[in-house]
């Protein structure tokens, strides 16, 4: 039996935006569904064999008034399971495609970066866009060369880099366009 995954676990991957594991998990869910079908079909064949054996050798349960054997009623043949549906990872994921798209988009937005003409790299997620906008608004009466200390994405966290107001405006524009 191959490795399987529950539908609930797949849903957790989707809810958490864990896109790296979603396709593999969907394939394992499909495998699990195939094995479940196999188990159902195997149980059907076992019951069918037992019932056919019973019906081929019905027990005598008595005699009628002419001393003729009375046999037990034959058992009903079970319904065969429907043909196995085509279980694939794609079919498992189909109901979740919108959520997957949103999770993937959110992941990309959280990791977004933009590079401005001076070569500096800025974070371009929603929070960073807001911070850039706030800094630009705070310096709205300043000249373009006005220096604002900024923690850029290409320098270790916490280390402030001198950036001009014009650079922050360029980074903000590119981040918004990227969004």
Protein backbone atom coordinates (compact mmCIF):
# COMPACT_ATOMS: atom_id res chain seq x y z
CA UNK A 1 0.00 0.00 0.00
CA UNK A 2 1.41 3.36 -1.01
CA UNK A 3 1.60 6.37 1.28
CA UNK A 4 -1.71 8.19 1.63
CA UNK A 5 -2.91 11.46 3.10
CA UNK A 6 -6.28 12.35 4.60
CA UNK A 7 -8.48 14.99 3.06
CA UNK A 8 -8.44 16.80 6.42
CA UNK A 9 -4.63 17.03 6.35
CA UNK A 10 -4.74 18.36 2.79
CA UNK A 11 -7.25 20.99 3.92
CA UNK A 12 -4.85 22.03 6.70
CA UNK A 13 -2.03 22.48 4.16
CA UNK A 14 -4.36 24.65 2.07
CA UNK A 15 -5.60 26.72 5.04
CA UNK A 16 -2.04 27.33 6.21
CA UNK A 17 -0.92 28.29 2.72
CA UNK A 18 1.67 25.51 2.70
CA UNK A 19 1.81 25.44 -1.10
CA UNK A 20 5.05 23.46 -1.26
CA UNK A 21 3.33 20.28 -0.05
CA UNK A 22 -0.17 20.65 -1.48
CA UNK A 23 0.24 18.87 -4.83
CA UNK A 24 2.07 15.92 -3.27
CA UNK A 25 -0.55 15.69 -0.53
CA UNK A 26 -3.36 15.77 -3.13
CA UNK A 27 -1.71 12.87 -4.94
CA UNK A 28 -1.56 10.94 -1.66
CA UNK A 29 -5.25 11.73 -1.01
CA UNK A 30 -6.05 10.32 -4.48
CA UNK A 31 -4.00 7.21 -3.62
CA UNK A 32 -5.96 6.88 -0.38
CA UNK A 33 -9.23 7.09 -2.31
CA UNK A 34 -8.01 4.38 -4.70
CA UNK A 35 -7.11 2.12 -1.77
CA UNK A 36 -10.48 2.79 -0.15
CA UNK A 37 -12.19 1.76 -3.38
CA UNK A 38 -9.97 -1.32 -3.56
CA UNK A 39 -10.96 -2.26 0.01
CA UNK A 40 -14.66 -1.78 -0.82
CA UNK A 41 -14.33 -3.91 -3.95
CA UNK A 42 -12.37 -6.58 -2.09
CA UNK A 43 -15.11 -6.72 0.58
CA UNK A 44 -17.73 -6.99 -2.16
CA UNK A 45 -15.88 -9.92 -3.77
CA UNK A 46 -15.52 -11.66 -0.41
CA UNK A 47 -19.25 -11.29 0.31
CA UNK A 48 -20.14 -12.36 -3.24
CA UNK A 49 -18.01 -15.50 -2.97
CA UNK A 50 -19.52 -16.42 0.41
CA UNK A 51 -23.09 -15.83 -0.84
CA UNK A 52 -22.50 -17.79 -4.07
CA UNK A 53 -21.09 -20.68 -2.03
CA UNK A 54 -24.08 -20.53 0.32
CA UNK A 55 -26.58 -20.32 -2.54
CA UNK A 56 -24.88 -23.23 -4.37
CA UNK A 57 -25.25 -25.42 -1.28
CA UNK A 58 -28.45 -24.23 0.35
CA UNK A 59 -29.04 -25.94 3.67
CA UNK A 60 -32.08 -28.12 4.14
CA UNK A 61 -34.33 -26.54 6.73
CA UNK A 62 -37.07 -29.12 6.77
CA UNK A 63 -39.38 -31.36 4.78
CA UNK A 64 -42.73 -30.63 3.26
CA UNK A 65 -45.86 -32.81 3.55
CA UNK A 66 -44.56 -35.02 0.68
CA UNK A 67 -41.24 -35.56 2.47
CA UNK A 68 -39.41 -33.35 -0.03
CA UNK A 69 -36.53 -31.29 1.27
CA UNK A 70 -37.18 -27.61 1.91
CA UNK A 71 -34.14 -25.48 1.29
CA UNK A 72 -33.31 -22.18 2.91
CA UNK A 73 -33.96 -19.10 0.79
CA UNK A 74 -30.98 -18.01 -1.24
CA UNK A 75 -29.20 -14.88 -0.07
CA UNK A 76 -29.39 -11.75 -2.16
CA UNK A 77 -26.37 -10.95 -4.27
CA UNK A 78 -24.79 -7.66 -3.08
CA UNK A 79 -24.61 -4.68 -5.38
CA UNK A 80 -21.27 -4.30 -7.08
CA UNK A 81 -19.52 -1.02 -6.24
CA UNK A 82 -19.65 1.53 -9.02
CA UNK A 83 -16.64 1.57 -11.33
CA UNK A 84 -13.69 3.24 -9.70
CA UNK A 85 -13.76 6.98 -10.42
CA UNK A 86 -10.63 8.55 -11.85
CA UNK A 87 -8.85 9.63 -8.68
CA UNK A 88 -6.06 12.10 -9.38
CA UNK A 89 -4.40 14.84 -7.41
CA UNK A 90 -5.91 17.38 -9.83
CA UNK A 91 -9.43 16.12 -9.19
CA UNK A 92 -8.84 16.18 -5.44
CA UNK A 93 -7.61 19.78 -5.67
CA UNK A 94 -10.38 21.03 -7.97
CA UNK A 95 -12.70 22.22 -5.16
CA UNK A 96 -9.81 24.11 -3.54
CA UNK A 97 -8.35 25.88 -6.58
CA UNK A 98 -9.63 29.33 -5.59
CA UNK A 99 -8.24 28.94 -2.06
CA UNK A 100 -4.95 27.67 -3.47
CA UNK A 101 -4.72 30.63 -5.82
CA UNK A 102 -5.36 33.02 -2.92
CA UNK A 103 -2.82 31.27 -0.68
CA UNK A 104 -0.19 31.30 -3.42
CA UNK A 105 -0.87 34.97 -4.19
CA UNK A 106 -0.66 35.87 -0.48
CA UNK A 107 2.62 33.97 -0.16
CA UNK A 108 4.08 35.80 -3.15
CA UNK A 109 2.87 39.14 -1.81
CA UNK A 110 4.45 38.46 1.59
CA UNK A 111 7.84 37.74 -0.05
CA UNK A 112 7.69 40.48 -2.70
CA UNK A 113 10.73 42.70 -3.22
CA UNK A 114 11.45 45.52 -5.64
CA UNK A 115 14.78 46.89 -6.84
CA UNK A 116 15.01 50.59 -7.58
CA UNK A 117 17.33 52.28 -10.09
CA UNK A 118 20.06 52.89 -7.49
CA UNK A 119 20.22 49.10 -6.92
CA UNK A 120 18.67 49.10 -3.44
CA UNK A 121 16.12 46.40 -2.69
CA UNK A 122 12.94 47.11 -0.74
CA UNK A 123 10.30 44.80 0.72
CA UNK A 124 7.09 45.14 -1.29
CA UNK A 125 4.52 43.44 0.95
CA UNK A 126 1.42 45.34 2.09
CA UNK A 127 2.89 46.41 5.42
CA UNK A 128 6.05 47.73 3.74
CA UNK A 129 3.98 49.65 1.19
CA UNK A 130 2.10 51.31 4.04
CA UNK A 131 5.35 52.17 5.84
CA UNK A 132 6.85 53.63 2.66
CA UNK A 133 3.73 55.70 2.12
CA UNK A 134 3.79 56.95 5.73
CA UNK A 135 7.45 57.98 5.42
CA UNK A 136 6.80 59.75 2.11
CA UNK A 137 3.81 61.60 3.60
CA UNK A 138 5.85 62.60 6.63
CA UNK A 139 8.51 64.06 4.32
CA UNK A 140 6.11 65.58 1.81
CA UNK A 141 7.45 69.11 2.35
CA UNK A 142 11.07 67.99 1.98
CA UNK A 143 13.19 68.07 -1.20
CA UNK A 144 13.80 64.89 -3.27
CA UNK A 145 17.35 64.52 -1.90
CA UNK A 146 16.14 64.60 1.71
CA UNK A 147 17.72 61.63 3.55
CA UNK A 148 15.53 59.16 5.40
CA UNK A 149 17.10 56.25 7.29
CA UNK A 150 15.50 53.01 6.07
CA UNK A 151 15.93 49.29 6.66
CA UNK A 152 16.18 47.93 3.11
CA UNK A 153 15.62 44.31 2.15
CA UNK A 154 19.18 43.85 0.88
CA UNK A 155 20.85 44.79 4.19
CA UNK A 156 20.69 42.79 7.43
CA UNK A 157 17.54 43.45 9.44
CA UNK A 158 17.77 46.41 11.73
CA UNK A 159 20.62 48.12 9.92
CA UNK A 160 19.43 51.49 8.69
CA UNK A 161 20.53 52.76 5.29
CA UNK A 162 20.40 56.38 4.16
CA UNK A 163 17.80 56.66 1.40
CA UNK A 164 16.53 59.74 -0.33
CA UNK A 165 12.88 60.71 -0.37
CA UNK A 166 12.99 60.15 -4.15
CA UNK A 167 14.24 56.56 -3.61
CA UNK A 168 11.40 55.84 -1.19
CA UNK A 169 8.91 57.28 -3.69
CA UNK A 170 10.36 55.07 -6.46
CA UNK A 171 10.28 52.01 -4.19
CA UNK A 172 6.68 52.78 -3.19
CA UNK A 173 5.58 53.18 -6.81
CA UNK A 174 7.26 49.94 -7.88
CA UNK A 175 5.88 48.06 -4.86
CA UNK A 176 2.34 49.22 -5.62
CA UNK A 177 2.75 48.28 -9.32
CA UNK A 178 4.14 44.89 -8.26
CA UNK A 179 1.15 44.31 -5.97
